[in-house]
Amino acid sequence: SPDTEIAPIELEGGRGVVYSASREAQPQLFRLDVASGREVQLAPVKDAFQVAEDLSPDGTTLVYTARTPDSPFDIWGVALSGAATPFPIFRSAFNKWDVRVAPDGRALAFLSDESGRPEAYVMPYPGPGERRRVSAGGARCVRWGPDGRELLYLSLDRRFMTVPVPAGPALAPGAPRELFALAGRPWTEFVVSRDGKRFLAIVPETVVGEQPLTVVANWAPGAR
């Protein structure tokens, strides 16, 4: 396809894939039935930029972020069956992204630039409830542990961090603690195995900031 397609999420039981795709416009949400190849648009909103983020544990609701000309990236939800009417989960004057639903469905973890740099936050799902900041000194790529009792994230200075999130109706995350430092190149993404003992990470060979610069002097248009 010549169009851009990003953020794919596989549905349980081989029911298909949801993702964001640009179809001659900004990326919006689509659902693809793999067996038939039929693509259906979810929650179309004019001029919105929508990014698929995560599914509720029961697989019935897609959590996504959306930006419009009048708002930053906010957190929304939409049912994957029935009327499929979008509903707001968390809206504010700041961008939110990298949203993940807790394994037990009780909370959301996400990144936000509310403080002036990316930090990790947690809040009740589907809400309402108070959001709490869980990182210190900046964060990237926040993920739940498999039991939903800890959050894992990458610090901006290349450390792998853990934050306890005790069970109970009140979200009261503990203090961040370093598990290990990232040696070599930084991770851009990671997932946690179901037993919580292994991580699968994306580690690029080069990043934009490490690319060499080439300076061409006395260049003129049309020169070879």
Protein backbone atom coordinates (compact mmCIF):
# COMPACT_ATOMS: atom_id res chain seq x y z
CA SER A 1 0.00 0.00 0.00
CA PRO A 2 1.37 3.49 -0.80
CA ASP A 3 -0.30 4.87 2.33
CA THR A 4 1.36 5.08 5.73
CA GLU A 5 0.27 2.40 8.22
CA ILE A 6 1.48 2.50 11.84
CA ALA A 7 0.80 1.15 15.36
CA PRO A 8 -0.69 -2.28 14.55
CA ILE A 9 -2.41 -4.24 17.35
CA GLU A 10 -3.44 -7.86 16.84
CA LEU A 11 -6.89 -8.82 18.08
CA GLU A 12 -7.34 -11.94 20.21
CA GLY A 13 -8.31 -15.17 18.52
CA GLY A 14 -7.10 -14.13 15.09
CA ARG A 15 -10.02 -11.72 14.68
CA GLY A 16 -7.91 -9.22 12.79
CA VAL A 17 -5.71 -6.18 13.33
CA VAL A 18 -6.39 -2.57 14.30
CA TYR A 19 -3.97 0.15 13.25
CA SER A 20 -3.61 3.75 12.14
CA ALA A 21 -3.41 4.49 8.44
CA SER A 22 -3.38 7.54 6.21
CA ARG A 23 -5.85 7.23 3.38
CA GLU A 24 -5.25 10.54 1.60
CA ALA A 25 -5.54 12.29 4.99
CA GLN A 26 -4.00 12.24 8.47
CA PRO A 27 -3.67 8.78 10.03
CA GLN A 28 -6.93 7.47 11.44
CA LEU A 29 -8.06 4.16 12.95
CA PHE A 30 -8.87 1.12 10.85
CA ARG A 31 -9.74 -2.48 11.54
CA LEU A 32 -8.72 -5.25 9.14
CA ASP A 33 -10.37 -8.66 9.03
CA VAL A 34 -7.46 -10.89 8.07
CA ALA A 35 -9.60 -13.72 6.69
CA SER A 36 -11.63 -11.57 4.28
CA GLY A 37 -9.18 -8.69 3.81
CA ARG A 38 -12.00 -6.23 4.53
CA GLU A 39 -10.92 -2.93 6.06
CA VAL A 40 -13.32 -0.83 8.14
CA GLN A 41 -12.65 2.63 9.53
CA LEU A 42 -13.16 3.09 13.27
CA ALA A 43 -14.24 6.37 14.89
CA PRO A 44 -13.73 8.68 11.90
CA VAL A 45 -13.22 12.30 12.96
CA LYS A 46 -12.49 15.03 10.43
CA ASP A 47 -8.95 16.45 10.65
CA ALA A 48 -8.02 14.17 13.58
CA PHE A 49 -4.67 12.40 13.86
CA GLN A 50 -5.42 9.07 15.59
CA VAL A 51 -2.90 6.53 16.91
CA ALA A 52 -3.88 3.04 18.11
CA GLU A 53 -2.35 2.46 21.56
CA ASP A 54 -3.69 -0.64 23.38
CA LEU A 55 -6.66 -2.95 23.96
CA SER A 56 -8.63 -3.47 27.14
CA PRO A 57 -7.86 -6.87 28.71
CA ASP A 58 -11.19 -8.30 27.52
CA GLY A 59 -10.43 -7.19 23.96
CA THR A 60 -13.63 -5.18 23.56
CA THR A 61 -12.24 -1.63 23.65
CA LEU A 62 -9.46 0.09 21.76
CA VAL A 63 -7.60 2.81 23.64
CA TYR A 64 -6.05 5.40 21.35
CA THR A 65 -4.67 8.92 21.27
CA ALA A 66 -5.98 11.65 18.99
CA ARG A 67 -4.95 15.16 18.08
CA THR A 68 -7.18 17.74 16.38
CA PRO A 69 -6.51 21.33 15.24
CA ASP A 70 -8.03 22.44 18.58
CA SER A 71 -6.39 19.99 21.00
CA PRO A 72 -3.14 18.10 21.69
CA PHE A 73 -2.97 14.30 21.76
CA ASP A 74 -5.65 13.18 24.24
CA ILE A 75 -6.59 9.66 25.34
CA TRP A 76 -9.80 8.18 23.91
CA GLY A 77 -11.56 4.83 23.76
CA VAL A 78 -13.86 3.16 21.25
CA ALA A 79 -15.71 -0.16 21.39
CA LEU A 80 -14.77 -2.65 18.69
CA SER A 81 -18.38 -3.71 18.17
CA GLY A 82 -21.78 -2.06 18.23
CA ALA A 83 -22.13 1.67 17.68
CA ALA A 84 -18.37 2.28 18.08
CA THR A 85 -18.86 5.79 19.44
CA PRO A 86 -15.58 7.34 20.69
CA PHE A 87 -15.49 8.43 24.33
CA PRO A 88 -12.87 10.60 26.09
CA ILE A 89 -10.74 8.98 28.79
CA PHE A 90 -8.34 11.78 29.65
CA ARG A 91 -8.12 15.23 28.09
CA SER A 92 -5.77 18.05 29.08
CA ALA A 93 -3.69 20.86 27.60
CA PHE A 94 -0.67 18.56 27.19
CA ASN A 95 0.23 15.69 24.85
CA LYS A 96 -0.27 12.10 25.95
CA TRP A 97 1.19 9.03 24.17
CA ASP A 98 2.52 5.48 24.65
CA VAL A 99 -0.66 4.48 26.54
CA ARG A 100 -0.90 1.00 28.08
CA VAL A 101 -3.80 -0.63 29.96
CA ALA A 102 -2.96 -2.59 33.11
CA PRO A 103 -3.34 -6.39 32.77
CA ASP A 104 -6.28 -6.32 35.21
CA GLY A 105 -7.87 -3.34 33.44
CA ARG A 106 -7.84 -1.10 36.52
CA ALA A 107 -5.42 1.59 35.34
CA LEU A 108 -3.65 3.28 32.44
CA ALA A 109 0.02 4.11 32.18
CA PHE A 110 1.15 6.72 29.69
CA LEU A 111 3.72 9.38 28.87
CA SER A 112 2.97 13.11 28.92
CA ASP A 113 4.92 16.31 28.39
CA GLU A 114 3.00 18.12 31.14
CA SER A 115 6.20 18.86 33.09
CA GLY A 116 8.08 20.12 30.04
CA ARG A 117 9.70 16.76 29.28
CA PRO A 118 8.35 13.22 28.85
CA GLU A 119 7.36 11.65 32.17
CA ALA A 120 5.41 8.48 33.03
CA TYR A 121 2.00 8.75 34.68
CA VAL A 122 -0.65 6.34 35.94
CA MET A 123 -4.39 6.90 36.38
CA PRO A 124 -7.51 4.80 37.02
CA TYR A 125 -9.19 3.22 34.01
CA PRO A 126 -11.76 3.89 32.72
CA GLY A 127 -11.84 6.67 35.31
CA PRO A 128 -12.52 9.06 36.72
CA GLY A 129 -9.63 9.44 39.13
CA GLU A 130 -6.45 11.31 39.88
CA ARG A 131 -3.40 10.78 37.70
CA ARG A 132 -0.06 10.32 39.42
CA ARG A 133 3.44 10.83 38.11
CA VAL A 134 5.59 7.72 38.54
CA SER A 135 8.91 8.67 36.93
CA ALA A 136 11.65 11.04 38.04
CA GLY A 137 14.01 12.76 35.63
CA GLY A 138 12.18 11.89 32.42
CA ALA A 139 10.86 8.67 30.90
CA ARG A 140 10.43 6.75 27.66
CA CYS A 141 8.50 3.60 26.76
CA VAL A 142 6.42 2.87 29.87
CA ARG A 143 5.15 -0.72 30.22
CA TRP A 144 3.25 -2.78 32.80
CA GLY A 145 4.79 -5.84 34.38
CA PRO A 146 2.84 -9.04 33.62
CA ASP A 147 1.09 -9.08 37.03
CA GLY A 148 0.10 -5.41 36.86
CA ARG A 149 1.88 -4.65 40.13
CA GLU A 150 4.80 -2.72 38.69
CA LEU A 151 5.57 -0.27 35.92
CA LEU A 152 8.74 -0.43 33.87
CA TYR A 153 10.18 2.43 31.87
CA LEU A 154 13.39 3.71 30.30
CA SER A 155 14.93 6.81 31.83
CA LEU A 156 16.34 9.53 29.61
CA ASP A 157 19.85 8.67 30.83
CA ARG A 158 19.58 5.04 29.65
CA ARG A 159 18.53 3.25 32.81
CA PHE A 160 15.85 0.57 33.06
CA MET A 161 13.54 1.54 35.90
CA THR A 162 10.81 -0.17 37.94
CA VAL A 163 8.03 1.39 40.03
CA PRO A 164 5.80 -0.69 42.35
CA VAL A 165 2.06 -0.16 41.94
CA PRO A 166 0.33 -1.97 44.84
CA ALA A 167 -3.03 -3.63 44.41
CA GLY A 168 -6.11 -1.83 45.65
CA PRO A 169 -8.64 0.75 44.51
CA ALA A 170 -6.32 3.70 45.24
CA LEU A 171 -3.35 3.99 42.92
CA ALA A 172 -0.33 4.71 45.11
CA PRO A 173 2.84 4.06 43.08
CA GLY A 174 6.10 3.76 44.99
CA ALA A 175 9.50 5.28 44.28
CA PRO A 176 11.34 4.50 41.02
CA ARG A 177 14.24 2.07 41.34
CA GLU A 178 16.94 1.21 38.81
CA LEU A 179 17.05 -2.41 37.65
CA PHE A 180 20.08 -2.01 35.39
CA ALA A 181 21.81 0.46 33.11
CA LEU A 182 21.50 0.04 29.36
CA ALA A 183 24.90 -0.77 27.92
CA GLY A 184 25.68 0.17 24.34
CA ARG A 185 23.01 1.67 22.14
CA PRO A 186 19.71 2.90 23.61
CA TRP A 187 16.53 0.88 23.36
CA THR A 188 13.74 2.46 21.38
CA GLU A 189 11.06 -0.06 22.43
CA PHE A 190 10.66 -3.13 24.62
CA VAL A 191 8.11 -5.71 25.72
CA VAL A 192 8.09 -7.97 28.76
CA SER A 193 7.68 -11.75 28.63
CA ARG A 194 4.65 -13.25 30.37
CA ASP A 195 6.79 -14.63 33.18
CA GLY A 196 8.43 -11.23 33.69
CA LYS A 197 11.94 -12.69 33.38
CA ARG A 198 12.91 -11.53 29.88
CA PHE A 199 12.67 -8.43 27.73
CA LEU A 200 12.51 -8.16 23.97
CA ALA A 201 13.98 -4.83 22.87
CA ILE A 202 14.44 -2.91 19.64
CA VAL A 203 18.01 -1.61 19.51
CA PRO A 204 18.77 0.40 16.34
CA GLU A 205 22.18 0.23 14.73
CA THR A 206 22.22 4.02 14.46
CA VAL A 207 20.02 6.83 15.63
CA VAL A 208 19.47 10.20 13.97
CA GLY A 209 21.72 12.07 16.35
CA GLU A 210 24.64 9.74 15.54
CA GLN A 211 24.46 10.13 11.77
CA PRO A 212 27.53 11.91 10.33
CA LEU A 213 27.09 15.36 8.82
CA THR A 214 28.40 16.13 5.34
CA VAL A 215 29.30 19.72 4.47
CA VAL A 216 29.40 20.66 0.78
CA ALA A 217 31.14 23.95 0.03
CA ASN A 218 30.74 26.09 -3.07
CA TRP A 219 27.69 24.11 -4.18
CA ALA A 220 25.41 25.51 -6.87
CA PRO A 221 22.02 24.20 -8.09
CA GLY A 222 22.45 21.87 -11.05
CA ALA A 223 26.06 21.05 -10.19
CA ARG A 224 27.21 17.45 -10.47
